[in-house]
């Protein structure tokens, strides 16, 4: 016997975006001596000119809270109206309870559903896809999706391959119901056979058993990750556009994970994006902030190009696992305070 219930016939969309960037700006000049490198070498290989490192009082939850409050204010939604909070991060320093529940405490709204996602640089897009489905099914009305990282805690300052890449920050979006489709189907998957291309080492088990290190650091097989991102992710991005029913010439913006400017440029070329498409390049000033990079880049792009509010954007995240996720979504409208 089938269950007897109905679900609302509704779509979903992004209502707003909020961002928090740590106060401390770290230029390449602060890093080069420790890794026997140069500003020119770092820019040539990554496009990164500077990045933000969180201070003592800028915890994962502090940054997530600031980005969330901005997103809620811009959406005209109170924390008490949220039905769920999804926190994408790999740098919250506790296995349990979740960072999402601590964030709810800080927001003064301890009742919504709350959980964390550990999907590294794809985590934000995972969260957007889940939130859209929760709303379409009638399970939730308003969902807060947050990407936040404090990767400076997990970066070996002497590792020439990674010391200049990773950074800190937080971005958040409010997702809610819409009469018209505002978030396309999510295309997601993994290449788990190559999961060892990006690792946190040593493992907590090794640390427990007496390793000299007391905190793991990110290690990465750079060329393997670069090739995977460039050659495998462009077709995934095209598939996301096809499933959303849009073409490159109708796209407003391309907001990929901010891993490396060379990856971003290679993907745009492989997809044959026209010059009319605005391409987010927040990595130049923000570095790679993993799960936070797409919402941070979205906020920065809308600050630079207010005309993009309400336009379609292709988002794709990819990273440790190796996992990926992407979708096309309408960028948020102008904040309620600006209308």
Foldseek 3Di string as FASTA:
>chain_A
DDDDDDFDQWFKAWAFKFKDFAPDKAFVVVQCVLQVHDQVVCCVWFVAGIAGAHDPPCAQLNQQLRGQVVQCQLNVHALQQWQEEEEEEDARPDPDDASQQVNCVVSVHNPHHYDYDDQWQARQQVVVQVVRVCQNRRVTFKYKYKYWYNQVQAADSNDNVPNRFEHTIMMMTIMGIDRDHFWFHKDKDFDQVVLVQKDFPPDVVVVVVPDPDNGTHIDHPVVVVLCCLLPVVLVSLCVQCVRRVHALVQAAEEQEQSGGVVSQVSSCVVSVRDPNYHYFNCCHRHGGRTNRRRSVSLVVVCVVPVVQAQGKYKYKTADRSRIIMIHIGGHHHGGPVVD
